């Protein structure tokens, strides 16, 4: 059985280490930990890892956040992976920094990447892991905040939070969404 983890973000050096690119960071963490090698391919950078006999395709869409659905659809078809075996990893302003939420489906919550995926797949029934980036910004400064660099304080803790996200992704693979949610959604920040 094969899985695909889609880490959402924006391509380009100017977006490195920004809150909006936390999806890229989570799949980078998995690739580093399990010796995945990134290759540039259609709509994405792609790496493949094997964990306890399971194949996991890691995808960093090169379509930019607002067109993420194009990469999701293409790679689901290319790898012949059904919707219940994908996991979309993205930032979330509604969650405190480092808090993670695993869900089997849901609304886009105003997130343009999720909105496009829902539009392209014609479904909100795909698993997603939301990584809290907090909402410490002034009115009208949301875009600057999500496209901004992590603060020094956040950088001190980011590795521990990435490890929690990695664990949640692997639990999803080996336990299924319901049991994995019990672990991921009860962890404190």
C-alpha atoms as a PDB file:
ATOM      1  CA  UNK A   1       0.000   0.000   0.000  1.00  0.00           C
ATOM      2  CA  UNK A   2       1.258   3.442  -0.987  1.00  0.00           C
ATOM      3  CA  UNK A   3       0.721   6.835   0.643  1.00  0.00           C
ATOM      4  CA  UNK A   4       1.375  10.385  -0.513  1.00  0.00           C
ATOM      5  CA  UNK A   5       2.177  13.233   1.863  1.00  0.00           C
ATOM      6  CA  UNK A   6       1.690  16.640   0.263  1.00  0.00           C
ATOM      7  CA  UNK A   7       3.616  19.320   2.128  1.00  0.00           C
ATOM      8  CA  UNK A   8       2.176  22.647   1.025  1.00  0.00           C
ATOM      9  CA  UNK A   9       4.300  25.746   0.530  1.00  0.00           C
ATOM     10  CA  UNK A  10       5.669  28.186  -1.998  1.00  0.00           C
ATOM     11  CA  UNK A  11       8.773  27.593  -4.108  1.00  0.00           C
ATOM     12  CA  UNK A  12      11.656  30.048  -4.151  1.00  0.00           C
ATOM     13  CA  UNK A  13      14.385  31.062  -1.730  1.00  0.00           C
ATOM     14  CA  UNK A  14      12.375  34.083  -0.551  1.00  0.00           C
ATOM     15  CA  UNK A  15       9.813  31.699   1.005  1.00  0.00           C
ATOM     16  CA  UNK A  16      12.339  29.505   2.857  1.00  0.00           C
ATOM     17  CA  UNK A  17      11.707  29.358   6.609  1.00  0.00           C
ATOM     18  CA  UNK A  18       8.373  31.130   6.372  1.00  0.00           C
ATOM     19  CA  UNK A  19       5.295  30.077   8.313  1.00  0.00           C
ATOM     20  CA  UNK A  20       3.376  29.347   5.101  1.00  0.00           C
ATOM     21  CA  UNK A  21       6.014  26.758   4.125  1.00  0.00           C
ATOM     22  CA  UNK A  22       5.683  24.543   7.185  1.00  0.00           C
ATOM     23  CA  UNK A  23       4.266  21.779   4.965  1.00  0.00           C
ATOM     24  CA  UNK A  24       7.558  21.743   3.046  1.00  0.00           C
ATOM     25  CA  UNK A  25       9.447  21.567   6.357  1.00  0.00           C
ATOM     26  CA  UNK A  26       7.474  18.549   7.590  1.00  0.00           C
ATOM     27  CA  UNK A  27       8.115  16.513   4.422  1.00  0.00           C
ATOM     28  CA  UNK A  28      11.761  17.661   4.424  1.00  0.00           C
ATOM     29  CA  UNK A  29      12.026  16.289   7.967  1.00  0.00           C
ATOM     30  CA  UNK A  30      10.660  12.933   6.825  1.00  0.00           C
ATOM     31  CA  UNK A  31      12.970  12.827   3.803  1.00  0.00           C
ATOM     32  CA  UNK A  32      15.989  13.632   5.980  1.00  0.00           C
ATOM     33  CA  UNK A  33      15.070  11.039   8.595  1.00  0.00           C
ATOM     34  CA  UNK A  34      14.406   8.229   6.092  1.00  0.00           C
ATOM     35  CA  UNK A  35      17.006   9.058   3.425  1.00  0.00           C
ATOM     36  CA  UNK A  36      14.598  10.345   0.808  1.00  0.00           C
ATOM     37  CA  UNK A  37      16.225  11.972  -2.211  1.00  0.00           C
ATOM     38  CA  UNK A  38      14.429  14.943  -3.741  1.00  0.00           C
ATOM     39  CA  UNK A  39      14.020  15.047  -7.510  1.00  0.00           C
ATOM     40  CA  UNK A  40      12.346  17.762  -9.517  1.00  0.00           C
ATOM     41  CA  UNK A  41       9.429  16.380 -11.472  1.00  0.00           C
ATOM     42  CA  UNK A  42       6.101  17.482 -12.896  1.00  0.00           C
ATOM     43  CA  UNK A  43       4.309  19.973 -10.616  1.00  0.00           C
ATOM     44  CA  UNK A  44       6.579  19.141  -7.679  1.00  0.00           C
ATOM     45  CA  UNK A  45       9.738  18.052  -6.027  1.00  0.00           C
ATOM     46  CA  UNK A  46       9.280  14.377  -5.185  1.00  0.00           C
ATOM     47  CA  UNK A  47      11.015  11.994  -2.807  1.00  0.00           C
ATOM     48  CA  UNK A  48      10.193   8.429  -1.870  1.00  0.00           C
ATOM     49  CA  UNK A  49      10.794   6.796   1.485  1.00  0.00           C
ATOM     50  CA  UNK A  50      10.152   3.353   2.906  1.00  0.00           C
ATOM     51  CA  UNK A  51       9.125   2.981   6.531  1.00  0.00           C
ATOM     52  CA  UNK A  52       8.458  -0.491   7.966  1.00  0.00           C
ATOM     53  CA  UNK A  53       7.597  -1.861   4.534  1.00  0.00           C
ATOM     54  CA  UNK A  54       5.300   1.023   3.537  1.00  0.00           C
ATOM     55  CA  UNK A  55       6.063   3.282   0.578  1.00  0.00           C
ATOM     56  CA  UNK A  56       5.480   6.974   1.204  1.00  0.00           C
ATOM     57  CA  UNK A  57       5.750   9.486  -1.616  1.00  0.00           C
ATOM     58  CA  UNK A  58       6.676  12.961  -0.384  1.00  0.00           C
ATOM     59  CA  UNK A  59       5.539  15.857  -2.546  1.00  0.00           C
ATOM     60  CA  UNK A  60       6.422  19.553  -2.378  1.00  0.00           C
ATOM     61  CA  UNK A  61       4.195  21.154  -5.025  1.00  0.00           C
ATOM     62  CA  UNK A  62       5.915  23.656  -7.306  1.00  0.00           C
ATOM     63  CA  UNK A  63       2.559  25.156  -8.291  1.00  0.00           C
ATOM     64  CA  UNK A  64       2.610  27.752  -5.495  1.00  0.00           C
ATOM     65  CA  UNK A  65       0.149  27.508  -2.640  1.00  0.00           C
ATOM     66  CA  UNK A  66      -2.927  28.840  -4.431  1.00  0.00           C
ATOM     67  CA  UNK A  67      -2.748  26.153  -7.154  1.00  0.00           C
ATOM     68  CA  UNK A  68      -1.847  23.176  -4.945  1.00  0.00           C
ATOM     69  CA  UNK A  69      -4.782  21.149  -6.236  1.00  0.00           C
ATOM     70  CA  UNK A  70      -3.082  20.688  -9.614  1.00  0.00           C
ATOM     71  CA  UNK A  71      -0.149  18.870  -8.004  1.00  0.00           C
ATOM     72  CA  UNK A  72      -2.406  16.855  -5.695  1.00  0.00           C
ATOM     73  CA  UNK A  73      -4.587  15.577  -8.548  1.00  0.00           C
ATOM     74  CA  UNK A  74      -1.631  14.842 -10.837  1.00  0.00           C
ATOM     75  CA  UNK A  75       0.333  12.861  -8.229  1.00  0.00           C
ATOM     76  CA  UNK A  76      -2.704  10.943  -6.993  1.00  0.00           C
ATOM     77  CA  UNK A  77      -3.311   9.819 -10.582  1.00  0.00           C
ATOM     78  CA  UNK A  78       0.367   9.254 -11.371  1.00  0.00           C
ATOM     79  CA  UNK A  79       0.963   7.106  -8.274  1.00  0.00           C
ATOM     80  CA  UNK A  80      -2.534   5.526  -8.328  1.00  0.00           C
ATOM     81  CA  UNK A  81      -3.206   6.490  -4.720  1.00  0.00           C
ATOM     82  CA  UNK A  82      -6.765   6.923  -3.447  1.00  0.00           C
ATOM     83  CA  UNK A  83      -7.936   9.961  -1.511  1.00  0.00           C
ATOM     84  CA  UNK A  84      -7.935   8.181   1.861  1.00  0.00           C
ATOM     85  CA  UNK A  85      -4.197   7.449   1.487  1.00  0.00           C
ATOM     86  CA  UNK A  86      -3.102  11.024   0.969  1.00  0.00           C
ATOM     87  CA  UNK A  87      -2.215  13.495   3.687  1.00  0.00           C
ATOM     88  CA  UNK A  88      -2.100  17.238   3.030  1.00  0.00           C
ATOM     89  CA  UNK A  89       0.168  19.111   5.458  1.00  0.00           C
ATOM     90  CA  UNK A  90      -0.361  22.825   5.827  1.00  0.00           C
ATOM     91  CA  UNK A  91      -0.069  25.858   8.084  1.00  0.00           C
ATOM     92  CA  UNK A  92      -3.016  27.033  10.181  1.00  0.00           C
ATOM     93  CA  UNK A  93      -3.496  30.492  11.682  1.00  0.00           C
ATOM     94  CA  UNK A  94      -6.327  29.302  13.950  1.00  0.00           C
ATOM     95  CA  UNK A  95      -4.017  27.036  15.958  1.00  0.00           C
ATOM     96  CA  UNK A  96      -1.349  28.226  18.406  1.00  0.00           C
ATOM     97  CA  UNK A  97       2.244  27.836  17.267  1.00  0.00           C
ATOM     98  CA  UNK A  98       3.274  24.173  17.204  1.00  0.00           C
ATOM     99  CA  UNK A  99      -0.179  22.710  17.877  1.00  0.00           C
ATOM    100  CA  UNK A 100      -1.163  20.081  15.315  1.00  0.00           C
ATOM    101  CA  UNK A 101      -4.570  18.836  14.242  1.00  0.00           C
ATOM    102  CA  UNK A 102      -5.167  15.744  12.158  1.00  0.00           C
ATOM    103  CA  UNK A 103      -8.559  15.487  10.428  1.00  0.00           C
ATOM    104  CA  UNK A 104     -10.095  13.103   7.846  1.00  0.00           C
ATOM    105  CA  UNK A 105     -11.953  15.967   6.117  1.00  0.00           C
ATOM    106  CA  UNK A 106     -13.137  19.512   6.680  1.00  0.00           C
ATOM    107  CA  UNK A 107     -13.517  22.993   5.333  1.00  0.00           C
ATOM    108  CA  UNK A 108     -10.691  24.987   3.805  1.00  0.00           C
ATOM    109  CA  UNK A 109     -10.864  27.435   6.722  1.00  0.00           C
ATOM    110  CA  UNK A 110      -9.985  30.284   4.377  1.00  0.00           C
ATOM    111  CA  UNK A 111      -6.690  28.636   3.378  1.00  0.00           C
ATOM    112  CA  UNK A 112      -6.145  29.170  -0.356  1.00  0.00           C
ATOM    113  CA  UNK A 113      -4.137  25.975  -0.832  1.00  0.00           C
ATOM    114  CA  UNK A 114      -6.872  23.841   0.737  1.00  0.00           C
ATOM    115  CA  UNK A 115      -9.526  25.784  -1.153  1.00  0.00           C
ATOM    116  CA  UNK A 116      -7.879  24.915  -4.488  1.00  0.00           C
ATOM    117  CA  UNK A 117      -7.435  21.248  -3.541  1.00  0.00           C
ATOM    118  CA  UNK A 118     -11.116  21.043  -2.604  1.00  0.00           C
ATOM    119  CA  UNK A 119     -12.080  22.703  -5.885  1.00  0.00           C
ATOM    120  CA  UNK A 120      -9.906  20.383  -8.020  1.00  0.00           C
ATOM    121  CA  UNK A 121     -10.846  17.167  -6.175  1.00  0.00           C
ATOM    122  CA  UNK A 122     -14.485  18.263  -5.833  1.00  0.00           C
ATOM    123  CA  UNK A 123     -14.339  17.007  -2.263  1.00  0.00           C
ATOM    124  CA  UNK A 124     -13.360  18.157   1.219  1.00  0.00           C
ATOM    125  CA  UNK A 125     -12.982  14.490   2.197  1.00  0.00           C
ATOM    126  CA  UNK A 126      -9.205  14.229   2.169  1.00  0.00           C
ATOM    127  CA  UNK A 127      -7.024  13.802   5.273  1.00  0.00           C
ATOM    128  CA  UNK A 128      -5.043  16.825   6.389  1.00  0.00           C
ATOM    129  CA  UNK A 129      -2.556  17.724   9.077  1.00  0.00           C
ATOM    130  CA  UNK A 130      -2.772  21.344  10.121  1.00  0.00           C
ATOM    131  CA  UNK A 131       0.293  22.820  11.831  1.00  0.00           C
ATOM    132  CA  UNK A 132      -0.403  25.836  14.019  1.00  0.00           C
ATOM    133  CA  UNK A 133       1.544  28.977  13.216  1.00  0.00           C
ATOM    134  CA  UNK A 134      -0.391  31.234  15.590  1.00  0.00           C
ATOM    135  CA  UNK A 135      -2.012  34.529  14.789  1.00  0.00           C
ATOM    136  CA  UNK A 136       0.244  37.142  16.321  1.00  0.00           C
ATOM    137  CA  UNK A 137      -0.306  39.823  13.703  1.00  0.00           C
ATOM    138  CA  UNK A 138      -2.038  43.189  13.496  1.00  0.00           C
ATOM    139  CA  UNK A 139      -5.302  43.604  11.601  1.00  0.00           C
ATOM    140  CA  UNK A 140      -4.652  43.515   7.849  1.00  0.00           C
ATOM    141  CA  UNK A 141      -1.181  41.968   8.267  1.00  0.00           C
ATOM    142  CA  UNK A 142      -2.113  38.309   7.793  1.00  0.00           C
ATOM    143  CA  UNK A 143      -0.247  37.916   4.497  1.00  0.00           C
ATOM    144  CA  UNK A 144       2.903  39.519   5.922  1.00  0.00           C
ATOM    145  CA  UNK A 145       2.668  37.208   8.915  1.00  0.00           C
ATOM    146  CA  UNK A 146       2.266  33.888   7.066  1.00  0.00           C
ATOM    147  CA  UNK A 147       4.916  34.860   4.515  1.00  0.00           C
ATOM    148  CA  UNK A 148       7.183  36.103   7.304  1.00  0.00           C
ATOM    149  CA  UNK A 149      10.143  34.301   8.821  1.00  0.00           C
ATOM    150  CA  UNK A 150       9.861  32.408  12.102  1.00  0.00           C
ATOM    151  CA  UNK A 151      10.714  34.474  15.177  1.00  0.00           C
ATOM    152  CA  UNK A 152      13.821  33.605  17.211  1.00  0.00           C
ATOM    153  CA  UNK A 153      11.560  32.264  19.949  1.00  0.00           C
ATOM    154  CA  UNK A 154       9.710  30.009  17.488  1.00  0.00           C
ATOM    155  CA  UNK A 155      12.960  28.764  15.978  1.00  0.00           C
ATOM    156  CA  UNK A 156      14.047  27.487  19.408  1.00  0.00           C
ATOM    157  CA  UNK A 157      11.076  25.090  19.466  1.00  0.00           C
ATOM    158  CA  UNK A 158      10.452  24.369  15.791  1.00  0.00           C
ATOM    159  CA  UNK A 159      12.426  21.109  15.695  1.00  0.00           C
ATOM    160  CA  UNK A 160      10.364  19.565  18.530  1.00  0.00           C
ATOM    161  CA  UNK A 161       7.139  20.540  16.786  1.00  0.00           C
ATOM    162  CA  UNK A 162       8.370  19.128  13.476  1.00  0.00           C
ATOM    163  CA  UNK A 163       9.080  15.829  15.254  1.00  0.00           C
ATOM    164  CA  UNK A 164       5.470  15.769  16.543  1.00  0.00           C
ATOM    165  CA  UNK A 165       4.202  16.399  13.007  1.00  0.00           C
ATOM    166  CA  UNK A 166       6.443  13.627  11.645  1.00  0.00           C
ATOM    167  CA  UNK A 167       5.100  11.230  14.266  1.00  0.00           C
ATOM    168  CA  UNK A 168       1.508  12.190  13.395  1.00  0.00           C
ATOM    169  CA  UNK A 169       2.188  11.510   9.701  1.00  0.00           C
ATOM    170  CA  UNK A 170       3.619   8.078  10.429  1.00  0.00           C
ATOM    171  CA  UNK A 171       0.800   7.250  12.851  1.00  0.00           C
ATOM    172  CA  UNK A 172      -1.637   8.105  10.056  1.00  0.00           C
ATOM    173  CA  UNK A 173       0.183   5.593   7.830  1.00  0.00           C
ATOM    174  CA  UNK A 174       0.332   2.756  10.335  1.00  0.00           C
ATOM    175  CA  UNK A 175      -2.735   3.276  12.553  1.00  0.00           C
ATOM    176  CA  UNK A 176      -5.246   4.889  10.236  1.00  0.00           C
ATOM    177  CA  UNK A 177      -6.758   8.334  10.591  1.00  0.00           C
ATOM    178  CA  UNK A 178      -9.037   7.694  13.576  1.00  0.00           C
ATOM    179  CA  UNK A 179      -6.407   6.229  15.919  1.00  0.00           C
ATOM    180  CA  UNK A 180      -3.752   8.670  14.716  1.00  0.00           C
ATOM    181  CA  UNK A 181      -6.100  11.561  15.535  1.00  0.00           C
ATOM    182  CA  UNK A 182      -6.354  10.341  19.133  1.00  0.00           C
ATOM    183  CA  UNK A 183      -2.593  10.717  19.533  1.00  0.00           C
ATOM    184  CA  UNK A 184      -1.984  13.845  17.474  1.00  0.00           C
ATOM    185  CA  UNK A 185      -4.932  15.944  18.607  1.00  0.00           C
ATOM    186  CA  UNK A 186      -4.415  15.411  22.327  1.00  0.00           C
ATOM    187  CA  UNK A 187      -0.756  16.440  22.412  1.00  0.00           C
ATOM    188  CA  UNK A 188      -0.109  19.774  24.049  1.00  0.00           C
ATOM    189  CA  UNK A 189       2.108  22.435  22.498  1.00  0.00           C
END
